[in-house]
Protein backbone atom coordinates (compact mmCIF):
# COMPACT_ATOMS: atom_id res chain seq x y z
CA MET A 1 129.52 -63.15 13.12
CA PHE A 2 130.34 -60.02 15.16
CA GLU A 3 128.64 -56.72 14.50
CA SER A 4 131.52 -54.61 15.72
CA LEU A 5 134.98 -54.62 17.19
CA ASP A 6 133.46 -53.66 20.56
CA ASP A 7 131.43 -56.89 20.62
CA GLN A 8 134.56 -58.90 19.83
CA MET A 9 136.54 -57.16 22.58
CA LYS A 10 133.80 -57.82 25.16
CA LEU A 11 133.73 -61.48 24.20
CA ASP A 12 137.52 -61.74 24.44
CA ALA A 13 137.54 -60.07 27.87
CA GLN A 14 134.94 -62.50 29.18
CA GLU A 15 136.93 -65.50 27.99
CA THR A 16 140.26 -64.42 29.45
CA SER A 17 139.23 -63.29 32.94
CA SER A 18 136.90 -64.70 35.54
CA PRO A 19 134.42 -62.53 37.46
CA ARG A 20 136.69 -62.80 40.50
CA GLU A 21 139.70 -61.54 38.55
CA ARG A 22 137.69 -58.59 37.20
CA ALA A 23 136.45 -57.71 40.70
CA ILE A 24 139.99 -57.81 42.08
CA LYS A 25 141.18 -55.59 39.23
CA TRP A 26 138.47 -53.00 39.95
CA ILE A 27 139.13 -53.08 43.71
CA LEU A 28 142.86 -52.57 43.18
CA THR A 29 142.16 -49.76 40.72
CA GLY A 30 139.93 -48.08 43.29
CA ILE A 31 142.51 -48.42 46.04
CA GLY A 32 145.19 -47.02 43.73
CA ALA A 33 143.01 -44.05 42.82
CA VAL A 34 142.26 -43.30 46.48
CA LEU A 35 145.97 -43.47 47.35
CA LEU A 36 146.93 -41.27 44.41
CA PHE A 37 144.34 -38.56 45.00
CA GLY A 38 144.70 -38.81 48.78
CA GLY A 39 148.44 -38.31 48.42
CA LEU A 40 147.93 -35.31 46.17
CA TYR A 41 145.42 -33.84 48.61
CA MET A 42 147.72 -34.35 51.60
CA GLY A 43 150.64 -32.90 49.68
CA ILE A 44 148.68 -29.76 48.89
CA ARG A 45 147.51 -29.47 52.50
CA LEU A 46 151.11 -29.74 53.74
CA LEU A 47 152.19 -26.90 51.44
CA GLU A 48 149.73 -24.49 53.06
């Protein structure tokens, strides 16, 4: 039926989330990463 666990996981992910939900998740992840690294960068700049 499934050749590997990876194939099963991909199929499960497609069934549980819509393309819109996945796009929102990636956008929020990107915003979070920018805030995290931007905050670290600003913190280091303030220490100088």
